N, C-alpha and C. Protein backbone atom coordinates (compact mmCIF):
# COMPACT_ATOMS: atom_id res chain seq x y z
N MET A 1 11.16 -24.28 -47.17
CA MET A 1 11.85 -23.14 -46.59
C MET A 1 12.57 -23.61 -45.33
N ASP A 2 13.79 -23.19 -45.18
CA ASP A 2 14.59 -23.56 -44.01
C ASP A 2 14.05 -22.80 -42.80
N MET A 3 13.65 -23.52 -41.76
CA MET A 3 13.06 -22.90 -40.57
C MET A 3 14.05 -21.97 -39.86
N LEU A 4 15.34 -22.17 -40.05
CA LEU A 4 16.32 -21.32 -39.40
C LEU A 4 16.36 -19.92 -40.02
N VAL A 5 15.95 -19.81 -41.29
CA VAL A 5 15.99 -18.52 -41.95
C VAL A 5 14.63 -17.84 -41.96
N ALA A 6 13.59 -18.57 -41.74
CA ALA A 6 12.25 -18.01 -41.78
C ALA A 6 12.07 -16.97 -40.68
N SER A 7 11.43 -15.88 -41.04
CA SER A 7 11.15 -14.86 -40.04
C SER A 7 9.75 -15.09 -39.48
N ARG A 8 9.49 -14.50 -38.35
CA ARG A 8 8.17 -14.65 -37.75
C ARG A 8 7.10 -14.02 -38.63
N GLN A 9 7.47 -13.03 -39.43
CA GLN A 9 6.51 -12.40 -40.34
C GLN A 9 5.96 -13.41 -41.34
N ASP A 10 6.79 -14.38 -41.70
CA ASP A 10 6.35 -15.38 -42.67
C ASP A 10 5.17 -16.21 -42.16
N TYR A 11 4.96 -16.22 -40.87
CA TYR A 11 3.90 -17.03 -40.28
C TYR A 11 2.66 -16.22 -39.92
N PHE A 12 2.73 -14.91 -40.09
CA PHE A 12 1.61 -14.05 -39.73
C PHE A 12 0.52 -14.14 -40.78
N ARG A 13 -0.71 -14.39 -40.32
CA ARG A 13 -1.86 -14.45 -41.22
C ARG A 13 -2.94 -13.53 -40.67
N PRO A 14 -3.14 -12.38 -41.30
CA PRO A 14 -4.13 -11.43 -40.79
C PRO A 14 -5.53 -12.00 -40.64
N ASP A 15 -5.87 -12.98 -41.49
CA ASP A 15 -7.21 -13.55 -41.43
C ASP A 15 -7.35 -14.55 -40.29
N ARG A 16 -6.25 -14.94 -39.67
CA ARG A 16 -6.28 -15.91 -38.56
C ARG A 16 -5.35 -15.42 -37.45
N LEU A 17 -5.70 -14.30 -36.88
CA LEU A 17 -4.82 -13.62 -35.94
C LEU A 17 -4.43 -14.48 -34.74
N PHE A 18 -5.36 -15.28 -34.23
CA PHE A 18 -5.07 -16.05 -33.03
C PHE A 18 -4.94 -17.54 -33.31
N GLU A 19 -4.71 -17.90 -34.56
CA GLU A 19 -4.52 -19.29 -34.93
C GLU A 19 -3.23 -19.40 -35.74
N THR A 20 -2.64 -20.56 -35.74
CA THR A 20 -1.43 -20.76 -36.54
C THR A 20 -1.28 -22.24 -36.88
N ASP A 21 -0.67 -22.48 -38.02
CA ASP A 21 -0.31 -23.83 -38.41
C ASP A 21 1.16 -24.08 -38.08
N THR A 22 1.81 -23.09 -37.53
CA THR A 22 3.23 -23.18 -37.22
C THR A 22 3.43 -24.07 -36.00
N PRO A 23 4.30 -25.06 -36.11
CA PRO A 23 4.57 -25.91 -34.95
C PRO A 23 5.19 -25.09 -33.81
N LEU A 24 4.89 -25.46 -32.59
CA LEU A 24 5.38 -24.70 -31.45
C LEU A 24 6.90 -24.64 -31.36
N ASP A 25 7.58 -25.62 -31.94
CA ASP A 25 9.04 -25.62 -31.86
C ASP A 25 9.71 -24.88 -33.02
N ALA A 26 8.95 -24.26 -33.90
CA ALA A 26 9.52 -23.60 -35.07
C ALA A 26 10.34 -22.37 -34.71
N PHE A 27 10.04 -21.74 -33.60
CA PHE A 27 10.72 -20.50 -33.24
C PHE A 27 11.79 -20.69 -32.17
N GLY A 28 11.92 -21.84 -31.59
CA GLY A 28 12.90 -22.04 -30.53
C GLY A 28 12.40 -21.50 -29.21
N PRO A 29 13.30 -21.39 -28.24
CA PRO A 29 12.89 -20.93 -26.91
C PRO A 29 12.53 -19.45 -26.90
N PRO A 30 11.84 -19.01 -25.87
CA PRO A 30 11.47 -17.59 -25.80
C PRO A 30 12.70 -16.71 -25.71
N GLU A 31 12.59 -15.52 -26.25
CA GLU A 31 13.69 -14.56 -26.19
C GLU A 31 13.70 -13.81 -24.85
N ILE A 32 12.52 -13.66 -24.27
CA ILE A 32 12.37 -12.86 -23.05
C ILE A 32 11.64 -13.67 -22.00
N LEU A 33 12.15 -13.63 -20.78
CA LEU A 33 11.52 -14.27 -19.65
C LEU A 33 11.12 -13.15 -18.69
N GLU A 34 9.82 -13.00 -18.43
CA GLU A 34 9.36 -11.98 -17.48
C GLU A 34 9.23 -12.62 -16.11
N ILE A 35 9.85 -11.99 -15.12
CA ILE A 35 9.88 -12.55 -13.78
C ILE A 35 9.33 -11.53 -12.80
N GLU A 36 8.29 -11.94 -12.07
CA GLU A 36 7.78 -11.13 -10.96
C GLU A 36 8.16 -11.87 -9.68
N PRO A 37 9.22 -11.46 -9.01
CA PRO A 37 9.69 -12.20 -7.84
C PRO A 37 8.75 -12.16 -6.64
N ILE A 38 7.88 -11.14 -6.61
CA ILE A 38 7.01 -10.99 -5.44
C ILE A 38 5.72 -10.27 -5.85
N HIS A 39 4.63 -10.67 -5.25
CA HIS A 39 3.34 -10.03 -5.52
C HIS A 39 3.10 -8.99 -4.42
N LEU A 40 3.89 -7.93 -4.48
CA LEU A 40 3.87 -6.91 -3.42
C LEU A 40 4.52 -5.63 -3.95
N CYS A 41 4.11 -4.52 -3.39
CA CYS A 41 4.77 -3.24 -3.63
C CYS A 41 4.66 -2.43 -2.34
N ASN A 42 5.66 -1.63 -2.07
CA ASN A 42 5.64 -0.81 -0.86
C ASN A 42 4.96 0.53 -1.08
N PHE A 43 4.59 0.85 -2.31
CA PHE A 43 3.88 2.09 -2.61
C PHE A 43 2.46 1.76 -3.06
N ARG A 44 1.61 2.77 -3.09
CA ARG A 44 0.25 2.66 -3.61
C ARG A 44 0.01 3.84 -4.55
N CYS A 45 0.74 3.86 -5.64
CA CYS A 45 0.70 4.98 -6.58
C CYS A 45 -0.70 5.16 -7.16
N ILE A 46 -1.08 6.41 -7.35
CA ILE A 46 -2.45 6.72 -7.75
C ILE A 46 -2.81 6.21 -9.14
N MET A 47 -1.82 5.96 -10.00
CA MET A 47 -2.11 5.51 -11.36
C MET A 47 -1.91 4.01 -11.54
N CYS A 48 -1.58 3.31 -10.46
CA CYS A 48 -1.16 1.91 -10.59
C CYS A 48 -2.25 0.93 -10.13
N HIS A 49 -2.27 -0.21 -10.81
CA HIS A 49 -3.22 -1.28 -10.47
C HIS A 49 -3.00 -1.80 -9.05
N VAL A 50 -1.78 -1.72 -8.54
CA VAL A 50 -1.45 -2.26 -7.21
C VAL A 50 -2.29 -1.60 -6.12
N ALA A 51 -2.60 -0.33 -6.30
CA ALA A 51 -3.39 0.41 -5.31
C ALA A 51 -4.81 -0.13 -5.19
N HIS A 52 -5.22 -0.93 -6.17
CA HIS A 52 -6.61 -1.41 -6.20
C HIS A 52 -6.74 -2.92 -6.10
N GLU A 53 -5.66 -3.61 -5.83
CA GLU A 53 -5.74 -5.07 -5.76
C GLU A 53 -5.34 -5.58 -4.38
N THR A 54 -5.76 -6.78 -4.10
CA THR A 54 -5.34 -7.44 -2.87
C THR A 54 -4.02 -8.15 -3.15
N LEU A 55 -2.99 -7.75 -2.44
CA LEU A 55 -1.66 -8.30 -2.68
C LEU A 55 -1.45 -9.55 -1.85
N SER A 56 -1.06 -10.63 -2.50
CA SER A 56 -0.90 -11.92 -1.81
C SER A 56 0.44 -12.05 -1.10
N LYS A 57 1.40 -11.21 -1.47
CA LYS A 57 2.77 -11.27 -0.94
C LYS A 57 3.47 -12.58 -1.30
N THR A 58 2.93 -13.30 -2.27
CA THR A 58 3.55 -14.54 -2.74
C THR A 58 4.93 -14.23 -3.29
N ILE A 59 5.91 -15.07 -2.93
CA ILE A 59 7.26 -14.84 -3.41
C ILE A 59 7.72 -15.99 -4.30
N LEU A 60 8.57 -15.67 -5.23
CA LEU A 60 9.16 -16.65 -6.13
C LEU A 60 10.09 -17.56 -5.34
N ASP A 61 9.96 -18.85 -5.55
CA ASP A 61 10.86 -19.83 -4.93
C ASP A 61 12.16 -19.83 -5.74
N VAL A 62 13.24 -19.35 -5.15
CA VAL A 62 14.51 -19.22 -5.86
C VAL A 62 15.03 -20.59 -6.30
N ALA A 63 14.82 -21.61 -5.48
CA ALA A 63 15.25 -22.97 -5.86
C ALA A 63 14.50 -23.43 -7.10
N ALA A 64 13.23 -23.10 -7.20
CA ALA A 64 12.44 -23.47 -8.39
C ALA A 64 12.93 -22.71 -9.62
N LEU A 65 13.30 -21.45 -9.44
CA LEU A 65 13.85 -20.69 -10.56
C LEU A 65 15.16 -21.31 -11.02
N ARG A 66 16.02 -21.66 -10.08
CA ARG A 66 17.30 -22.30 -10.42
C ARG A 66 17.04 -23.62 -11.18
N TRP A 67 16.10 -24.41 -10.68
CA TRP A 67 15.77 -25.69 -11.32
C TRP A 67 15.27 -25.45 -12.74
N SER A 68 14.44 -24.45 -12.91
CA SER A 68 13.89 -24.14 -14.24
C SER A 68 14.99 -23.78 -15.22
N ILE A 69 15.90 -22.94 -14.79
CA ILE A 69 17.00 -22.52 -15.68
C ILE A 69 17.91 -23.70 -15.98
N ASP A 70 18.20 -24.51 -14.97
CA ASP A 70 19.04 -25.69 -15.19
C ASP A 70 18.36 -26.71 -16.09
N SER A 71 17.04 -26.85 -15.98
CA SER A 71 16.30 -27.84 -16.75
C SER A 71 15.99 -27.39 -18.17
N LEU A 72 16.00 -26.08 -18.38
CA LEU A 72 15.67 -25.53 -19.70
C LEU A 72 16.86 -24.72 -20.21
N PRO A 73 17.88 -25.40 -20.71
CA PRO A 73 19.10 -24.70 -21.13
C PRO A 73 18.85 -23.64 -22.21
N GLY A 74 17.74 -23.73 -22.91
CA GLY A 74 17.40 -22.72 -23.91
C GLY A 74 17.15 -21.35 -23.33
N LEU A 75 16.96 -21.27 -22.01
CA LEU A 75 16.76 -19.96 -21.37
C LEU A 75 18.08 -19.22 -21.17
N ARG A 76 19.17 -19.97 -21.15
CA ARG A 76 20.48 -19.34 -20.94
C ARG A 76 20.77 -18.34 -22.05
N GLY A 77 21.28 -17.20 -21.65
CA GLY A 77 21.64 -16.17 -22.61
C GLY A 77 20.48 -15.32 -23.11
N ARG A 78 19.29 -15.54 -22.61
CA ARG A 78 18.12 -14.76 -23.04
C ARG A 78 17.99 -13.50 -22.18
N TRP A 79 16.93 -12.76 -22.43
CA TRP A 79 16.63 -11.56 -21.66
C TRP A 79 15.72 -11.91 -20.50
N ALA A 80 15.94 -11.29 -19.37
CA ALA A 80 15.06 -11.44 -18.21
C ALA A 80 14.57 -10.05 -17.81
N VAL A 81 13.27 -9.85 -17.88
CA VAL A 81 12.67 -8.60 -17.43
C VAL A 81 12.16 -8.85 -16.02
N ILE A 82 12.68 -8.10 -15.07
CA ILE A 82 12.30 -8.30 -13.67
C ILE A 82 11.54 -7.07 -13.19
N GLY A 83 10.32 -7.30 -12.71
CA GLY A 83 9.57 -6.22 -12.08
C GLY A 83 8.69 -5.41 -13.00
N ALA A 84 7.95 -6.06 -13.86
CA ALA A 84 7.07 -5.32 -14.77
C ALA A 84 5.78 -4.86 -14.09
N THR A 85 5.36 -5.52 -13.01
CA THR A 85 4.07 -5.18 -12.41
C THR A 85 4.10 -4.91 -10.92
N HIS A 86 5.14 -5.32 -10.22
CA HIS A 86 5.24 -5.12 -8.77
C HIS A 86 6.68 -4.73 -8.42
N GLU A 87 7.01 -4.59 -7.16
CA GLU A 87 8.35 -4.12 -6.77
C GLU A 87 9.27 -5.31 -6.47
N PRO A 88 10.13 -5.68 -7.41
CA PRO A 88 10.94 -6.89 -7.28
C PRO A 88 11.97 -6.85 -6.16
N THR A 89 12.44 -5.67 -5.81
CA THR A 89 13.50 -5.59 -4.80
C THR A 89 12.99 -5.88 -3.39
N LEU A 90 11.68 -6.04 -3.24
CA LEU A 90 11.13 -6.43 -1.94
C LEU A 90 11.30 -7.93 -1.66
N HIS A 91 11.62 -8.71 -2.69
CA HIS A 91 11.85 -10.14 -2.48
C HIS A 91 13.05 -10.29 -1.55
N PRO A 92 12.94 -11.08 -0.49
CA PRO A 92 14.04 -11.20 0.47
C PRO A 92 15.34 -11.76 -0.13
N ASP A 93 15.23 -12.48 -1.24
CA ASP A 93 16.42 -13.05 -1.89
C ASP A 93 16.68 -12.40 -3.24
N PHE A 94 16.32 -11.14 -3.38
CA PHE A 94 16.50 -10.47 -4.67
C PHE A 94 17.94 -10.53 -5.17
N PRO A 95 18.95 -10.28 -4.33
CA PRO A 95 20.34 -10.38 -4.82
C PRO A 95 20.67 -11.79 -5.36
N GLU A 96 20.12 -12.81 -4.75
CA GLU A 96 20.35 -14.17 -5.22
C GLU A 96 19.71 -14.40 -6.59
N ILE A 97 18.54 -13.83 -6.80
CA ILE A 97 17.87 -13.93 -8.10
C ILE A 97 18.73 -13.28 -9.18
N VAL A 98 19.26 -12.09 -8.88
CA VAL A 98 20.13 -11.40 -9.84
C VAL A 98 21.37 -12.25 -10.14
N ALA A 99 21.97 -12.82 -9.10
CA ALA A 99 23.17 -13.66 -9.28
C ALA A 99 22.85 -14.88 -10.13
N LEU A 100 21.72 -15.50 -9.89
CA LEU A 100 21.31 -16.69 -10.64
C LEU A 100 21.12 -16.38 -12.12
N LEU A 101 20.43 -15.29 -12.41
CA LEU A 101 20.20 -14.90 -13.81
C LEU A 101 21.51 -14.51 -14.49
N THR A 102 22.39 -13.86 -13.74
CA THR A 102 23.69 -13.47 -14.27
C THR A 102 24.53 -14.71 -14.59
N GLU A 103 24.52 -15.69 -13.67
CA GLU A 103 25.24 -16.95 -13.90
C GLU A 103 24.74 -17.67 -15.14
N ALA A 104 23.45 -17.50 -15.44
CA ALA A 104 22.85 -18.15 -16.61
C ALA A 104 23.09 -17.35 -17.89
N GLY A 105 23.87 -16.29 -17.78
CA GLY A 105 24.19 -15.49 -18.96
C GLY A 105 23.04 -14.65 -19.47
N MET A 106 22.04 -14.43 -18.61
CA MET A 106 20.88 -13.65 -19.04
C MET A 106 21.16 -12.16 -18.89
N ARG A 107 20.64 -11.39 -19.84
CA ARG A 107 20.72 -9.93 -19.75
C ARG A 107 19.48 -9.48 -18.99
N ILE A 108 19.68 -8.67 -17.98
CA ILE A 108 18.60 -8.31 -17.08
C ILE A 108 18.13 -6.88 -17.32
N ASP A 109 16.80 -6.74 -17.48
CA ASP A 109 16.15 -5.44 -17.47
C ASP A 109 15.39 -5.35 -16.15
N LEU A 110 15.78 -4.41 -15.31
CA LEU A 110 15.13 -4.24 -14.00
C LEU A 110 14.26 -3.00 -14.02
N VAL A 111 13.02 -3.15 -13.55
CA VAL A 111 12.12 -2.02 -13.35
C VAL A 111 11.82 -1.97 -11.86
N THR A 112 12.11 -0.84 -11.23
CA THR A 112 11.97 -0.69 -9.78
C THR A 112 11.54 0.73 -9.44
N ASN A 113 10.99 0.91 -8.23
CA ASN A 113 10.70 2.26 -7.78
C ASN A 113 11.92 2.87 -7.08
N GLY A 114 12.97 2.08 -6.92
CA GLY A 114 14.23 2.57 -6.39
C GLY A 114 14.31 2.72 -4.89
N SER A 115 13.21 2.54 -4.21
CA SER A 115 13.18 2.82 -2.77
C SER A 115 14.00 1.84 -1.93
N MET A 116 14.25 0.65 -2.46
CA MET A 116 15.00 -0.36 -1.70
C MET A 116 16.47 -0.43 -2.11
N LEU A 117 16.89 0.45 -3.01
CA LEU A 117 18.26 0.42 -3.49
C LEU A 117 19.21 1.09 -2.49
N THR A 118 19.36 0.45 -1.37
CA THR A 118 20.29 0.92 -0.34
C THR A 118 21.71 0.62 -0.80
N ASP A 119 22.70 1.19 -0.11
CA ASP A 119 24.10 0.89 -0.43
C ASP A 119 24.36 -0.61 -0.33
N LYS A 120 23.78 -1.25 0.68
CA LYS A 120 23.96 -2.69 0.86
C LYS A 120 23.39 -3.47 -0.34
N MET A 121 22.16 -3.12 -0.74
CA MET A 121 21.52 -3.80 -1.87
C MET A 121 22.34 -3.59 -3.14
N ILE A 122 22.78 -2.36 -3.37
CA ILE A 122 23.56 -2.06 -4.57
C ILE A 122 24.85 -2.87 -4.57
N ASP A 123 25.52 -2.96 -3.43
CA ASP A 123 26.75 -3.77 -3.34
C ASP A 123 26.48 -5.24 -3.67
N GLN A 124 25.31 -5.73 -3.26
CA GLN A 124 24.97 -7.14 -3.49
C GLN A 124 24.63 -7.44 -4.95
N ILE A 125 24.12 -6.46 -5.69
CA ILE A 125 23.68 -6.71 -7.06
C ILE A 125 24.56 -6.06 -8.12
N LYS A 126 25.57 -5.32 -7.71
CA LYS A 126 26.33 -4.53 -8.69
C LYS A 126 27.06 -5.36 -9.74
N GLY A 127 27.31 -6.63 -9.49
CA GLY A 127 27.93 -7.48 -10.50
C GLY A 127 26.94 -8.11 -11.44
N GLY A 128 25.67 -7.76 -11.31
CA GLY A 128 24.63 -8.35 -12.15
C GLY A 128 24.76 -7.94 -13.60
N SER A 129 24.25 -8.77 -14.48
CA SER A 129 24.34 -8.52 -15.92
C SER A 129 23.19 -7.64 -16.39
N PHE A 130 23.10 -6.45 -15.82
CA PHE A 130 22.01 -5.53 -16.14
C PHE A 130 22.24 -4.89 -17.51
N ALA A 131 21.25 -5.03 -18.38
CA ALA A 131 21.26 -4.34 -19.65
C ALA A 131 20.65 -2.96 -19.46
N SER A 132 19.65 -2.89 -18.58
CA SER A 132 19.04 -1.60 -18.25
C SER A 132 18.40 -1.68 -16.87
N VAL A 133 18.38 -0.55 -16.22
CA VAL A 133 17.70 -0.41 -14.93
C VAL A 133 16.81 0.82 -15.06
N THR A 134 15.51 0.62 -14.91
CA THR A 134 14.56 1.71 -14.97
C THR A 134 14.06 1.99 -13.57
N VAL A 135 14.28 3.21 -13.11
CA VAL A 135 13.78 3.63 -11.80
C VAL A 135 12.59 4.54 -12.08
N SER A 136 11.41 4.06 -11.72
CA SER A 136 10.18 4.84 -11.92
C SER A 136 10.15 5.94 -10.88
N PHE A 137 10.07 7.17 -11.34
CA PHE A 137 10.14 8.31 -10.42
C PHE A 137 9.25 9.41 -10.97
N ASP A 138 8.09 9.59 -10.37
CA ASP A 138 7.13 10.57 -10.84
C ASP A 138 7.16 11.82 -9.97
N GLY A 139 7.49 12.93 -10.57
CA GLY A 139 7.45 14.19 -9.86
C GLY A 139 8.83 14.80 -9.67
N ALA A 140 8.95 16.07 -9.97
CA ALA A 140 10.22 16.77 -9.86
C ALA A 140 10.42 17.41 -8.48
N CYS A 141 9.39 17.40 -7.67
CA CYS A 141 9.52 17.95 -6.32
C CYS A 141 8.83 16.99 -5.34
N ALA A 142 9.15 17.15 -4.08
CA ALA A 142 8.63 16.24 -3.05
C ALA A 142 7.10 16.21 -3.04
N GLU A 143 6.48 17.37 -3.13
CA GLU A 143 5.01 17.43 -3.06
C GLU A 143 4.36 16.61 -4.17
N THR A 144 4.82 16.77 -5.39
CA THR A 144 4.24 16.02 -6.51
C THR A 144 4.55 14.54 -6.39
N TYR A 145 5.81 14.22 -6.12
CA TYR A 145 6.23 12.83 -6.02
C TYR A 145 5.42 12.08 -4.95
N GLU A 146 5.28 12.66 -3.78
CA GLU A 146 4.58 11.98 -2.68
C GLU A 146 3.07 11.96 -2.87
N ARG A 147 2.52 12.88 -3.67
CA ARG A 147 1.09 12.85 -3.98
C ARG A 147 0.79 11.69 -4.93
N ILE A 148 1.70 11.47 -5.88
CA ILE A 148 1.51 10.40 -6.86
C ILE A 148 1.92 9.05 -6.27
N ARG A 149 3.07 9.01 -5.63
CA ARG A 149 3.63 7.76 -5.09
C ARG A 149 3.28 7.67 -3.60
N VAL A 150 2.07 7.28 -3.34
CA VAL A 150 1.54 7.21 -1.97
C VAL A 150 2.39 6.21 -1.17
N ARG A 151 2.77 6.59 0.03
CA ARG A 151 3.62 5.84 0.96
C ARG A 151 5.12 6.00 0.66
N ALA A 152 5.45 6.88 -0.27
CA ALA A 152 6.85 7.06 -0.65
C ALA A 152 7.43 8.31 0.01
N SER A 153 8.73 8.31 0.14
CA SER A 153 9.46 9.49 0.64
C SER A 153 10.39 9.97 -0.47
N TYR A 154 10.15 11.17 -0.94
CA TYR A 154 10.96 11.77 -1.99
C TYR A 154 12.44 11.82 -1.58
N ALA A 155 12.69 12.34 -0.40
CA ALA A 155 14.08 12.49 0.07
C ALA A 155 14.78 11.14 0.21
N ARG A 156 14.11 10.17 0.81
CA ARG A 156 14.72 8.86 1.00
C ARG A 156 15.00 8.16 -0.35
N THR A 157 14.05 8.28 -1.28
CA THR A 157 14.26 7.66 -2.58
C THR A 157 15.40 8.33 -3.32
N LEU A 158 15.49 9.65 -3.27
CA LEU A 158 16.62 10.36 -3.90
C LEU A 158 17.94 9.93 -3.27
N GLU A 159 17.94 9.79 -1.97
CA GLU A 159 19.15 9.39 -1.27
C GLU A 159 19.61 8.01 -1.74
N ARG A 160 18.66 7.13 -1.97
CA ARG A 160 19.02 5.75 -2.36
C ARG A 160 19.28 5.67 -3.85
């Protein structure tokens, strides 16, 4: 069977869910790269794991990200999901990260609480290759929103 035409379903074996005879190079590079630029969030939402963990504030080294993309050309043109678990826009070089991924032809899915999307930030990232931007926003009124999103300002987030 030609590996280029084989689907991933062809390799699924229900009796060996976590084992495979498929060589690691059979599928090519990953389709999606998940990037957490910073281990930090400015909110402590009542339903979120962040409210219960010790945040290291570790930030992604942008030079290392650039090196990785340059060294692994198979990442070019793939999807990049930014901010699946913490607030990515808190990274001090967030606009540079967006520019780097855009230069690499990656389609970007951004998940954010929206609180840092100032006019300046939006101007810096507006040329990014965003496929989608998800702004997590819980509550239709200030009272509900601020009860759920601890440390957040309903009015300021709406403004931004």
